[in-house]
Amino acid sequence: MNRKEHWENVYTTRSVTDVSWYQETPSISLHLIDRAGIEKDDPIIDVGGGASVLVDFLLDRGFTDVSVLDIASAAIASAKNRLGARAAQAQWHEADVTALRLGRKFKLWHDRAVFHFLREAKDREAYIRNLDAHLAPDGYVIIATFSLNGPTKCSGLDIMQYDEESITLEFGEVLQLNGSVTETHITPSKKEQEFKYFCFTRRDSANPAA
């Protein structure tokens, strides 16, 4: 089963409110986006955000250029169904982030729990290359992964754990790490998962995100 087939199966066989990464309110993401200080009309992309409610909160806050990227059409369909007519206020992209070609740049790139699934170096290199191609010169990046104290598997797949040192080894040629936040996420089944949220700007940017 390839990556797309895996995630289509997840979202067609499980309720989006039962998956371990489900959040009723993406509090830390919203806090970090606020800290970035971007304008309401600045373009934002939520990578792997198909069924996440982050888009709902961003629209509620008046952001007018929100894109949601997910590999699974079922995840995107779920979010559109939840939003109803409001779904037309966002832009939806069904694609693998390692093969992304959107032809535009974003002021803020947000990824909660996609990058840590990329265990092969070639996939991580493709992710970073595509992030670089789609990030505005003064752009901000927020990437959340399982921490060194977090799980080693998710959705039946092995993942990569990160701390500040290891994430810098991945992104350091392109991005400057400006800070991190640790979250103990409580899953719908009441288990604890420790995440790290890493905040970056381009190395030539003068405006840190955290």
N, C-alpha and C. Protein backbone atom coordinates (compact mmCIF):
# COMPACT_ATOMS: atom_id res chain seq x y z
N MET A 1 0.85 -1.19 0.00
CA MET A 1 0.00 0.00 0.00
C MET A 1 0.89 1.25 0.00
N ASN A 2 0.68 2.14 -0.98
CA ASN A 2 1.50 3.34 -1.02
C ASN A 2 0.97 4.40 -0.05
N ARG A 3 1.65 5.55 0.01
CA ARG A 3 1.31 6.57 1.00
C ARG A 3 -0.11 7.09 0.82
N LYS A 4 -0.49 7.37 -0.40
CA LYS A 4 -1.83 7.88 -0.64
C LYS A 4 -2.89 6.84 -0.28
N GLU A 5 -2.68 5.60 -0.68
CA GLU A 5 -3.64 4.55 -0.37
C GLU A 5 -3.80 4.38 1.14
N HIS A 6 -2.69 4.49 1.87
CA HIS A 6 -2.76 4.35 3.32
C HIS A 6 -3.67 5.41 3.93
N TRP A 7 -3.47 6.68 3.54
CA TRP A 7 -4.24 7.75 4.16
C TRP A 7 -5.68 7.81 3.68
N GLU A 8 -5.92 7.42 2.44
CA GLU A 8 -7.31 7.31 1.98
C GLU A 8 -8.03 6.25 2.82
N ASN A 9 -7.35 5.14 3.09
CA ASN A 9 -7.95 4.08 3.90
C ASN A 9 -8.24 4.56 5.31
N VAL A 10 -7.31 5.32 5.90
CA VAL A 10 -7.52 5.84 7.25
C VAL A 10 -8.78 6.68 7.30
N TYR A 11 -8.92 7.59 6.34
CA TYR A 11 -10.04 8.55 6.40
C TYR A 11 -11.36 7.99 5.89
N THR A 12 -11.33 6.82 5.27
CA THR A 12 -12.59 6.19 4.84
C THR A 12 -13.05 5.12 5.81
N THR A 13 -12.18 4.72 6.74
CA THR A 13 -12.56 3.65 7.68
C THR A 13 -12.67 4.15 9.12
N ARG A 14 -12.25 5.37 9.39
CA ARG A 14 -12.29 5.90 10.75
C ARG A 14 -12.92 7.29 10.76
N SER A 15 -13.59 7.61 11.83
CA SER A 15 -14.12 8.96 12.02
C SER A 15 -12.97 9.92 12.24
N VAL A 16 -13.06 11.12 11.69
CA VAL A 16 -11.98 12.09 11.87
C VAL A 16 -11.82 12.50 13.32
N THR A 17 -12.87 12.34 14.13
CA THR A 17 -12.77 12.71 15.54
C THR A 17 -12.20 11.58 16.40
N ASP A 18 -11.93 10.43 15.77
CA ASP A 18 -11.37 9.29 16.50
C ASP A 18 -9.88 9.09 16.24
N VAL A 19 -9.34 9.72 15.20
CA VAL A 19 -7.92 9.53 14.91
C VAL A 19 -7.09 10.19 16.00
N SER A 20 -5.91 9.66 16.27
CA SER A 20 -5.15 10.07 17.45
C SER A 20 -4.73 11.53 17.41
N TRP A 21 -4.58 12.10 16.22
CA TRP A 21 -4.09 13.48 16.12
C TRP A 21 -5.21 14.52 16.16
N TYR A 22 -6.45 14.09 16.32
CA TYR A 22 -7.58 15.03 16.31
C TYR A 22 -7.48 16.04 17.46
N GLN A 23 -7.75 17.30 17.13
CA GLN A 23 -7.83 18.38 18.12
C GLN A 23 -9.15 19.12 17.96
N GLU A 24 -9.83 19.39 19.06
CA GLU A 24 -11.01 20.24 18.98
C GLU A 24 -10.62 21.69 18.71
N THR A 25 -9.53 22.12 19.33
CA THR A 25 -9.02 23.48 19.14
C THR A 25 -7.51 23.42 18.97
N PRO A 26 -6.98 23.89 17.85
CA PRO A 26 -5.53 23.85 17.61
C PRO A 26 -4.84 25.03 18.30
N SER A 27 -4.85 25.03 19.62
CA SER A 27 -4.46 26.21 20.40
C SER A 27 -3.02 26.65 20.15
N ILE A 28 -2.08 25.71 20.15
CA ILE A 28 -0.68 26.10 19.99
C ILE A 28 -0.43 26.62 18.58
N SER A 29 -1.00 25.97 17.59
CA SER A 29 -0.84 26.46 16.22
C SER A 29 -1.35 27.89 16.09
N LEU A 30 -2.52 28.15 16.66
CA LEU A 30 -3.09 29.50 16.58
C LEU A 30 -2.22 30.51 17.31
N HIS A 31 -1.70 30.13 18.46
CA HIS A 31 -0.82 31.02 19.21
C HIS A 31 0.43 31.36 18.40
N LEU A 32 1.03 30.36 17.78
CA LEU A 32 2.25 30.59 17.02
C LEU A 32 1.98 31.39 15.76
N ILE A 33 0.83 31.19 15.14
CA ILE A 33 0.46 31.99 13.98
C ILE A 33 0.25 33.45 14.41
N ASP A 34 -0.37 33.65 15.55
CA ASP A 34 -0.52 35.01 16.09
C ASP A 34 0.85 35.64 16.32
N ARG A 35 1.79 34.87 16.88
CA ARG A 35 3.12 35.39 17.16
C ARG A 35 3.85 35.80 15.88
N ALA A 36 3.55 35.13 14.79
CA ALA A 36 4.21 35.48 13.53
C ALA A 36 3.82 36.88 13.07
N GLY A 37 2.62 37.33 13.45
CA GLY A 37 2.21 38.69 13.14
C GLY A 37 1.91 38.94 11.68
N ILE A 38 1.45 37.92 10.98
CA ILE A 38 1.16 38.11 9.56
C ILE A 38 -0.17 38.84 9.38
N GLU A 39 -0.37 39.40 8.18
CA GLU A 39 -1.59 40.14 7.87
C GLU A 39 -2.71 39.17 7.49
N LYS A 40 -3.95 39.65 7.60
CA LYS A 40 -5.12 38.80 7.33
C LYS A 40 -5.20 38.35 5.88
N ASP A 41 -4.58 39.11 4.97
CA ASP A 41 -4.63 38.72 3.55
C ASP A 41 -3.36 38.01 3.10
N ASP A 42 -2.45 37.73 4.03
CA ASP A 42 -1.25 36.98 3.67
C ASP A 42 -1.61 35.51 3.41
N PRO A 43 -1.00 34.90 2.40
CA PRO A 43 -1.32 33.50 2.08
C PRO A 43 -0.73 32.52 3.09
N ILE A 44 -1.57 31.59 3.54
CA ILE A 44 -1.21 30.56 4.51
C ILE A 44 -1.49 29.20 3.88
N ILE A 45 -0.61 28.23 4.11
CA ILE A 45 -0.90 26.87 3.70
C ILE A 45 -0.78 25.94 4.90
N ASP A 46 -1.79 25.09 5.08
CA ASP A 46 -1.78 24.07 6.13
C ASP A 46 -1.48 22.74 5.46
N VAL A 47 -0.26 22.25 5.64
CA VAL A 47 0.21 21.03 4.98
C VAL A 47 -0.28 19.82 5.77
N GLY A 48 -0.97 18.91 5.11
CA GLY A 48 -1.55 17.76 5.78
C GLY A 48 -2.75 18.12 6.62
N GLY A 49 -3.38 19.24 6.27
CA GLY A 49 -4.47 19.76 7.08
C GLY A 49 -5.85 19.32 6.66
N GLY A 50 -5.94 18.29 5.84
CA GLY A 50 -7.22 17.89 5.25
C GLY A 50 -8.41 17.91 6.18
N ALA A 51 -8.38 17.14 7.26
CA ALA A 51 -9.53 17.06 8.15
C ALA A 51 -9.37 17.90 9.41
N SER A 52 -8.25 18.63 9.51
CA SER A 52 -8.00 19.47 10.68
C SER A 52 -8.99 20.63 10.73
N VAL A 53 -9.27 21.10 11.96
CA VAL A 53 -10.16 22.25 12.12
C VAL A 53 -9.40 23.57 12.11
N LEU A 54 -8.08 23.54 11.86
CA LEU A 54 -7.33 24.81 11.82
C LEU A 54 -7.92 25.76 10.80
N VAL A 55 -8.32 25.26 9.64
CA VAL A 55 -8.88 26.13 8.62
C VAL A 55 -10.12 26.85 9.13
N ASP A 56 -10.95 26.17 9.91
CA ASP A 56 -12.15 26.80 10.47
C ASP A 56 -11.78 28.01 11.31
N PHE A 57 -10.77 27.82 12.18
CA PHE A 57 -10.37 28.89 13.09
C PHE A 57 -9.71 30.04 12.33
N LEU A 58 -8.94 29.73 11.29
CA LEU A 58 -8.31 30.78 10.51
C LEU A 58 -9.36 31.62 9.79
N LEU A 59 -10.37 30.97 9.23
CA LEU A 59 -11.46 31.71 8.59
C LEU A 59 -12.21 32.55 9.61
N ASP A 60 -12.44 31.97 10.80
CA ASP A 60 -13.12 32.72 11.86
C ASP A 60 -12.35 33.98 12.22
N ARG A 61 -11.03 33.92 12.15
CA ARG A 61 -10.19 35.06 12.52
C ARG A 61 -10.01 36.06 11.39
N GLY A 62 -10.62 35.78 10.25
CA GLY A 62 -10.61 36.75 9.17
C GLY A 62 -9.51 36.59 8.15
N PHE A 63 -8.77 35.47 8.19
CA PHE A 63 -7.76 35.24 7.16
C PHE A 63 -8.46 34.92 5.84
N THR A 64 -7.99 35.54 4.78
CA THR A 64 -8.72 35.49 3.50
C THR A 64 -8.02 34.67 2.42
N ASP A 65 -6.81 34.17 2.70
CA ASP A 65 -6.06 33.42 1.69
C ASP A 65 -5.49 32.16 2.34
N VAL A 66 -6.38 31.23 2.62
CA VAL A 66 -6.00 29.99 3.33
C VAL A 66 -6.06 28.82 2.36
N SER A 67 -4.97 28.08 2.26
CA SER A 67 -4.92 26.87 1.45
C SER A 67 -4.73 25.67 2.36
N VAL A 68 -5.39 24.58 2.01
CA VAL A 68 -5.26 23.32 2.75
C VAL A 68 -4.76 22.26 1.79
N LEU A 69 -3.69 21.60 2.18
CA LEU A 69 -3.08 20.55 1.37
C LEU A 69 -3.21 19.22 2.08
N ASP A 70 -3.66 18.20 1.36
CA ASP A 70 -3.66 16.86 1.93
C ASP A 70 -3.52 15.84 0.81
N ILE A 71 -2.89 14.72 1.13
CA ILE A 71 -2.72 13.65 0.15
C ILE A 71 -4.01 12.87 -0.05
N ALA A 72 -4.92 12.92 0.94
CA ALA A 72 -6.13 12.09 0.92
C ALA A 72 -7.36 12.90 0.52
N SER A 73 -7.97 12.52 -0.55
CA SER A 73 -9.20 13.19 -0.98
C SER A 73 -10.30 13.04 0.06
N ALA A 74 -10.31 11.91 0.77
CA ALA A 74 -11.34 11.68 1.79
C ALA A 74 -11.20 12.66 2.94
N ALA A 75 -9.97 13.03 3.30
CA ALA A 75 -9.76 14.01 4.37
C ALA A 75 -10.27 15.38 3.94
N ILE A 76 -9.97 15.76 2.72
CA ILE A 76 -10.43 17.06 2.21
C ILE A 76 -11.95 17.08 2.12
N ALA A 77 -12.54 15.99 1.65
CA ALA A 77 -14.00 15.92 1.54
C ALA A 77 -14.66 16.06 2.91
N SER A 78 -14.05 15.47 3.93
CA SER A 78 -14.59 15.57 5.28
C SER A 78 -14.59 17.02 5.76
N ALA A 79 -13.48 17.72 5.52
CA ALA A 79 -13.40 19.12 5.95
C ALA A 79 -14.38 19.99 5.19
N LYS A 80 -14.50 19.77 3.89
CA LYS A 80 -15.45 20.55 3.10
C LYS A 80 -16.88 20.32 3.58
N ASN A 81 -17.20 19.08 3.88
CA ASN A 81 -18.54 18.76 4.38
C ASN A 81 -18.80 19.45 5.71
N ARG A 82 -17.78 19.49 6.59
CA ARG A 82 -17.92 20.15 7.89
C ARG A 82 -18.14 21.65 7.72
N LEU A 83 -17.41 22.25 6.80
CA LEU A 83 -17.49 23.70 6.61
C LEU A 83 -18.71 24.14 5.82
N GLY A 84 -19.26 23.24 5.01
CA GLY A 84 -20.42 23.60 4.20
C GLY A 84 -20.07 24.71 3.21
N ALA A 85 -20.90 25.72 3.13
CA ALA A 85 -20.69 26.81 2.17
C ALA A 85 -19.39 27.56 2.43
N ARG A 86 -18.92 27.54 3.66
CA ARG A 86 -17.68 28.24 3.99
C ARG A 86 -16.45 27.60 3.34
N ALA A 87 -16.57 26.36 2.88
CA ALA A 87 -15.44 25.70 2.25
C ALA A 87 -14.94 26.47 1.04
N ALA A 88 -15.83 27.21 0.39
CA ALA A 88 -15.45 27.99 -0.79
C ALA A 88 -14.52 29.15 -0.44
N GLN A 89 -14.41 29.47 0.85
CA GLN A 89 -13.53 30.56 1.28
C GLN A 89 -12.07 30.13 1.37
N ALA A 90 -11.82 28.82 1.29
CA ALA A 90 -10.45 28.29 1.33
C ALA A 90 -10.12 27.65 -0.01
N GLN A 91 -8.84 27.41 -0.24
CA GLN A 91 -8.38 26.72 -1.44
C GLN A 91 -7.89 25.33 -1.02
N TRP A 92 -8.27 24.32 -1.80
CA TRP A 92 -8.03 22.94 -1.42
C TRP A 92 -7.13 22.26 -2.46
N HIS A 93 -6.10 21.57 -1.97
CA HIS A 93 -5.14 20.95 -2.87
C HIS A 93 -4.92 19.49 -2.45
N GLU A 94 -5.26 18.58 -3.33
CA GLU A 94 -5.01 17.16 -3.08
C GLU A 94 -3.68 16.80 -3.73
N ALA A 95 -2.66 16.61 -2.91
CA ALA A 95 -1.33 16.33 -3.44
C ALA A 95 -0.43 15.80 -2.34
N ASP A 96 0.62 15.10 -2.75
CA ASP A 96 1.68 14.65 -1.85
C ASP A 96 2.67 15.81 -1.72
N VAL A 97 2.98 16.20 -0.51
CA VAL A 97 3.88 17.34 -0.30
C VAL A 97 5.25 17.12 -0.91
N THR A 98 5.64 15.87 -1.10
CA THR A 98 6.95 15.60 -1.70
C THR A 98 6.93 15.78 -3.22
N ALA A 99 5.75 16.03 -3.78
CA ALA A 99 5.63 16.26 -5.22
C ALA A 99 4.78 17.50 -5.49
N LEU A 100 4.98 18.53 -4.68
CA LEU A 100 4.12 19.71 -4.69
C LEU A 100 4.53 20.69 -5.78
N ARG A 101 3.54 21.14 -6.57
CA ARG A 101 3.78 22.11 -7.63
C ARG A 101 2.58 23.05 -7.70
N LEU A 102 2.53 24.04 -6.83
CA LEU A 102 1.37 24.93 -6.79
C LEU A 102 1.59 26.24 -7.54
N GLY A 103 2.83 26.57 -7.85
CA GLY A 103 3.09 27.76 -8.64
C GLY A 103 2.84 29.07 -7.91
N ARG A 104 2.90 29.05 -6.58
CA ARG A 104 2.75 30.28 -5.81
C ARG A 104 3.52 30.15 -4.51
N LYS A 105 3.64 31.28 -3.80
CA LYS A 105 4.39 31.30 -2.54
C LYS A 105 3.46 31.68 -1.39
N PHE A 106 3.83 31.24 -0.19
CA PHE A 106 3.03 31.45 1.01
C PHE A 106 3.83 32.19 2.06
N LYS A 107 3.13 33.06 2.78
CA LYS A 107 3.78 33.81 3.87
C LYS A 107 3.97 32.90 5.09
N LEU A 108 3.08 31.93 5.25
CA LEU A 108 3.20 31.01 6.40
C LEU A 108 2.90 29.58 5.97
N TRP A 109 3.81 28.70 6.31
CA TRP A 109 3.71 27.25 6.04
C TRP A 109 3.52 26.56 7.37
N HIS A 110 2.40 25.86 7.54
CA HIS A 110 2.09 25.17 8.79
C HIS A 110 1.96 23.68 8.51
N ASP A 111 2.61 22.88 9.35
CA ASP A 111 2.57 21.42 9.19
C ASP A 111 2.54 20.80 10.59
N ARG A 112 1.40 20.24 10.94
CA ARG A 112 1.32 19.49 12.19
C ARG A 112 1.25 18.01 11.86
N ALA A 113 2.42 17.33 12.00
CA ALA A 113 2.49 15.87 11.94
C ALA A 113 2.45 15.28 10.54
N VAL A 114 3.04 15.99 9.56
CA VAL A 114 3.32 15.35 8.27
C VAL A 114 4.80 14.99 8.16
N PHE A 115 5.66 15.96 8.44
CA PHE A 115 7.09 15.75 8.21
C PHE A 115 7.62 14.52 8.95
N HIS A 116 7.09 14.25 10.15
CA HIS A 116 7.68 13.14 10.91
C HIS A 116 7.34 11.77 10.34
N PHE A 117 6.44 11.70 9.36
CA PHE A 117 6.18 10.43 8.68
C PHE A 117 7.20 10.14 7.58
N LEU A 118 8.01 11.11 7.22
CA LEU A 118 8.93 10.94 6.10
C LEU A 118 10.23 10.33 6.60
N ARG A 119 10.31 9.02 6.53
CA ARG A 119 11.46 8.31 7.08
C ARG A 119 12.59 8.16 6.06
N GLU A 120 12.29 8.28 4.78
CA GLU A 120 13.33 8.15 3.77
C GLU A 120 13.94 9.51 3.47
N ALA A 121 15.27 9.55 3.39
CA ALA A 121 15.97 10.81 3.17
C ALA A 121 15.51 11.51 1.91
N LYS A 122 15.22 10.76 0.85
CA LYS A 122 14.81 11.37 -0.40
C LYS A 122 13.48 12.09 -0.26
N ASP A 123 12.60 11.56 0.59
CA ASP A 123 11.31 12.21 0.81
C ASP A 123 11.47 13.48 1.64
N ARG A 124 12.35 13.43 2.64
CA ARG A 124 12.60 14.63 3.43
C ARG A 124 13.26 15.72 2.58
N GLU A 125 14.17 15.31 1.72
CA GLU A 125 14.83 16.28 0.84
C GLU A 125 13.82 16.91 -0.12
N ALA A 126 12.88 16.10 -0.64
CA ALA A 126 11.85 16.64 -1.53
C ALA A 126 10.93 17.60 -0.79
N TYR A 127 10.57 17.25 0.45
CA TYR A 127 9.74 18.14 1.28
C TYR A 127 10.41 19.50 1.45
N ILE A 128 11.69 19.48 1.85
CA ILE A 128 12.41 20.72 2.09
C ILE A 128 12.56 21.52 0.80
N ARG A 129 12.83 20.85 -0.28
CA ARG A 129 12.96 21.52 -1.58
C ARG A 129 11.64 22.20 -1.96
N ASN A 130 10.53 21.53 -1.74
CA ASN A 130 9.23 22.10 -2.09
C ASN A 130 8.81 23.20 -1.13
N LEU A 131 9.14 23.05 0.14
CA LEU A 131 8.90 24.14 1.09
C LEU A 131 9.66 25.39 0.63
N ASP A 132 10.91 25.21 0.31
CA ASP A 132 11.75 26.33 -0.13
C ASP A 132 11.15 27.01 -1.36
N ALA A 133 10.62 26.22 -2.28
CA ALA A 133 10.06 26.77 -3.52
C ALA A 133 8.75 27.51 -3.29
N HIS A 134 8.03 27.16 -2.23
CA HIS A 134 6.70 27.73 -2.00
C HIS A 134 6.66 28.75 -0.86
N LEU A 135 7.80 29.03 -0.23
CA LEU A 135 7.83 29.96 0.90
C LEU A 135 8.27 31.33 0.43
N ALA A 136 7.52 32.35 0.82
CA ALA A 136 7.87 33.73 0.49
C ALA A 136 9.22 34.09 1.11
N PRO A 137 9.92 35.07 0.52
CA PRO A 137 11.24 35.44 1.06
C PRO A 137 11.22 35.82 2.53
N ASP A 138 10.12 36.41 2.99
CA ASP A 138 9.99 36.78 4.40
C ASP A 138 9.00 35.87 5.12
N GLY A 139 8.94 34.62 4.68
CA GLY A 139 7.93 33.70 5.19
C GLY A 139 8.29 33.08 6.53
N TYR A 140 7.27 32.49 7.16
CA TYR A 140 7.38 31.81 8.44
C TYR A 140 7.00 30.34 8.26
N VAL A 141 7.60 29.49 9.08
CA VAL A 141 7.33 28.06 9.01
C VAL A 141 7.09 27.55 10.43
N ILE A 142 6.00 26.78 10.58
CA ILE A 142 5.70 26.09 11.84
C ILE A 142 5.56 24.61 11.52
N ILE A 143 6.42 23.79 12.11
CA ILE A 143 6.39 22.35 11.88
C ILE A 143 6.31 21.65 13.23
N ALA A 144 5.31 20.80 13.40
CA ALA A 144 5.14 20.03 14.63
C ALA A 144 5.39 18.55 14.35
N THR A 145 6.20 17.93 15.20
CA THR A 145 6.51 16.50 15.09
C THR A 145 6.42 15.88 16.49
N PHE A 146 6.43 14.56 16.54
CA PHE A 146 6.59 13.91 17.83
C PHE A 146 7.99 14.24 18.38
N SER A 147 8.04 14.48 19.67
CA SER A 147 9.31 14.77 20.33
C SER A 147 10.06 13.47 20.61
N LEU A 148 11.24 13.61 21.20
CA LEU A 148 12.01 12.42 21.58
C LEU A 148 11.32 11.62 22.67
N ASN A 149 10.36 12.24 23.36
CA ASN A 149 9.57 11.54 24.38
C ASN A 149 8.22 11.07 23.84
N GLY A 150 7.97 11.30 22.56
CA GLY A 150 6.69 10.96 21.96
C GLY A 150 6.67 9.54 21.42
N PRO A 151 5.57 9.17 20.77
CA PRO A 151 5.45 7.83 20.19
C PRO A 151 6.47 7.60 19.09
N THR A 152 6.71 6.34 18.80
CA THR A 152 7.58 5.97 17.68
C THR A 152 6.77 5.49 16.48
N LYS A 153 5.46 5.33 16.66
CA LYS A 153 4.57 4.93 15.57
C LYS A 153 3.30 5.76 15.64
N CYS A 154 2.65 5.91 14.49
CA CYS A 154 1.35 6.59 14.43
C CYS A 154 0.60 6.04 13.22
N SER A 155 -0.67 5.74 13.42
CA SER A 155 -1.50 5.20 12.35
C SER A 155 -0.88 3.96 11.71
N GLY A 156 -0.21 3.15 12.55
CA GLY A 156 0.40 1.93 12.06
C GLY A 156 1.72 2.12 11.32
N LEU A 157 2.23 3.35 11.28
CA LEU A 157 3.47 3.65 10.55
C LEU A 157 4.55 4.10 11.52
N ASP A 158 5.79 3.71 11.24
CA ASP A 158 6.92 4.23 11.99
C ASP A 158 7.11 5.70 11.65
N ILE A 159 7.55 6.48 12.64
CA ILE A 159 7.75 7.91 12.41
C ILE A 159 9.18 8.28 12.85
N MET A 160 9.52 9.54 12.60
CA MET A 160 10.79 10.11 13.05
C MET A 160 10.51 11.06 14.21
N GLN A 161 11.27 10.95 15.29
CA GLN A 161 11.15 11.89 16.40
C GLN A 161 12.20 12.98 16.24
N TYR A 162 11.86 14.19 16.73
CA TYR A 162 12.78 15.31 16.56
C TYR A 162 12.90 16.14 17.83
N ASP A 163 14.10 16.71 18.00
CA ASP A 163 14.31 17.78 18.96
C ASP A 163 14.94 18.95 18.20
N GLU A 164 15.34 19.98 18.91
CA GLU A 164 15.87 21.18 18.24
C GLU A 164 17.11 20.87 17.40
N GLU A 165 17.97 20.03 17.93
CA GLU A 165 19.20 19.71 17.21
C GLU A 165 18.93 18.92 15.93
N SER A 166 18.10 17.90 16.03
CA SER A 166 17.87 17.05 14.86
C SER A 166 17.02 17.75 13.80
N ILE A 167 16.09 18.60 14.21
CA ILE A 167 15.29 19.31 13.20
C ILE A 167 16.15 20.35 12.48
N THR A 168 17.12 20.94 13.20
CA THR A 168 18.03 21.89 12.57
C THR A 168 18.93 21.21 11.56
N LEU A 169 19.31 19.97 11.82
CA LEU A 169 20.10 19.22 10.85
C LEU A 169 19.33 19.02 9.55
N GLU A 170 18.01 18.90 9.65
CA GLU A 170 17.19 18.71 8.44
C GLU A 170 16.99 20.02 7.67
N PHE A 171 16.66 21.10 8.39
CA PHE A 171 16.23 22.34 7.73
C PHE A 171 17.26 23.46 7.77
N GLY A 172 18.38 23.25 8.47
CA GLY A 172 19.28 24.35 8.77
C GLY A 172 19.89 25.07 7.60
N GLU A 173 19.99 24.43 6.43
CA GLU A 173 20.55 25.13 5.28
C GLU A 173 19.58 26.15 4.70
N VAL A 174 18.29 25.96 4.94
CA VAL A 174 17.26 26.82 4.37
C VAL A 174 16.64 27.73 5.42
N LEU A 175 16.42 27.19 6.62
CA LEU A 175 15.64 27.89 7.64
C LEU A 175 16.45 28.11 8.92
N GLN A 176 16.09 29.19 9.60
CA GLN A 176 16.64 29.50 10.92
C GLN A 176 15.62 29.11 11.98
N LEU A 177 16.01 28.23 12.90
CA LEU A 177 15.13 27.87 14.01
C LEU A 177 15.13 29.00 15.03
N ASN A 178 13.93 29.52 15.33
CA ASN A 178 13.80 30.66 16.24
C ASN A 178 13.20 30.29 17.59
N GLY A 179 12.66 29.09 17.72
CA GLY A 179 12.08 28.69 18.99
C GLY A 179 11.28 27.41 18.83
N SER A 180 10.86 26.86 19.97
CA SER A 180 10.05 25.65 19.95
C SER A 180 9.10 25.66 21.14
N VAL A 181 8.04 24.90 21.01
CA VAL A 181 7.04 24.75 22.07
C VAL A 181 6.73 23.27 22.21
N THR A 182 6.67 22.79 23.43
CA THR A 182 6.33 21.39 23.70
C THR A 182 4.86 21.30 24.07
N GLU A 183 4.18 20.32 23.49
CA GLU A 183 2.76 20.09 23.79
C GLU A 183 2.55 18.63 24.20
N THR A 184 1.80 18.42 25.27
CA THR A 184 1.32 17.08 25.59
C THR A 184 -0.10 16.97 25.04
N HIS A 185 -0.20 16.30 23.92
CA HIS A 185 -1.50 16.14 23.25
C HIS A 185 -2.23 14.95 23.84
N ILE A 186 -3.50 15.15 24.19
CA ILE A 186 -4.34 14.06 24.69
C ILE A 186 -5.20 13.55 23.54
N THR A 187 -5.01 12.30 23.18
CA THR A 187 -5.74 11.73 22.06
C THR A 187 -7.20 11.48 22.44
N PRO A 188 -8.06 11.23 21.45
CA PRO A 188 -9.46 10.89 21.77
C PRO A 188 -9.59 9.67 22.68
N SER A 189 -8.60 8.78 22.66
CA SER A 189 -8.63 7.62 23.56
C SER A 189 -7.93 7.90 24.89
N LYS A 190 -7.65 9.19 25.14
CA LYS A 190 -7.09 9.67 26.42
C LYS A 190 -5.65 9.24 26.66
N LYS A 191 -4.90 9.01 25.61
CA LYS A 191 -3.48 8.73 25.73
C LYS A 191 -2.69 10.03 25.52
N GLU A 192 -1.51 10.10 26.12
CA GLU A 192 -0.67 11.27 25.98
C GLU A 192 0.34 11.08 24.85
N GLN A 193 0.52 12.13 24.04
CA GLN A 193 1.53 12.14 23.00
C GLN A 193 2.28 13.47 23.09
N GLU A 194 3.59 13.42 23.16
CA GLU A 194 4.34 14.67 23.26
C GLU A 194 4.80 15.14 21.89
N PHE A 195 4.37 16.35 21.54
CA PHE A 195 4.74 17.00 20.29
C PHE A 195 5.74 18.11 20.57
N LYS A 196 6.55 18.43 19.56
CA LYS A 196 7.37 19.63 19.54
C LYS A 196 6.94 20.48 18.34
N TYR A 197 6.65 21.74 18.59
CA TYR A 197 6.36 22.70 17.52
C TYR A 197 7.61 23.56 17.31
N PHE A 198 8.13 23.54 16.10
CA PHE A 198 9.34 24.28 15.77
C PHE A 198 8.99 25.48 14.89
N CYS A 199 9.52 26.64 15.23
CA CYS A 199 9.22 27.88 14.51
C CYS A 199 10.46 28.36 13.77
N PHE A 200 10.31 28.61 12.48
CA PHE A 200 11.43 28.98 11.63
C PHE A 200 11.12 30.24 10.82
N THR A 201 12.19 30.90 10.39
CA THR A 201 12.13 31.86 9.29
C THR A 201 13.25 31.49 8.32
N ARG A 202 13.19 32.10 7.14
CA ARG A 202 14.32 31.91 6.22
C ARG A 202 15.60 32.45 6.84
N ARG A 203 16.71 31.90 6.45
CA ARG A 203 17.99 32.36 7.02
C ARG A 203 18.28 33.81 6.70
N ASP A 204 17.69 34.34 5.61
CA ASP A 204 17.94 35.74 5.26
C ASP A 204 16.82 36.65 5.75
N SER A 205 15.90 36.13 6.57
CA SER A 205 14.81 36.95 7.09
C SER A 205 15.21 37.61 8.40
N ALA A 206 14.78 38.84 8.59
CA ALA A 206 15.13 39.58 9.80
C ALA A 206 14.05 39.54 10.85
N ASN A 207 12.93 38.88 10.56
CA ASN A 207 11.77 38.91 11.46
C ASN A 207 11.49 37.52 12.02
N PRO A 208 11.99 37.17 13.21
CA PRO A 208 11.77 35.84 13.76
C PRO A 208 10.32 35.58 14.09
N ALA A 209 9.94 34.29 14.00
CA ALA A 209 8.55 33.90 14.24
C ALA A 209 8.29 33.57 15.70
N ALA A 210 9.31 33.44 16.50
CA ALA A 210 9.10 33.10 17.91
C ALA A 210 10.24 33.65 18.74
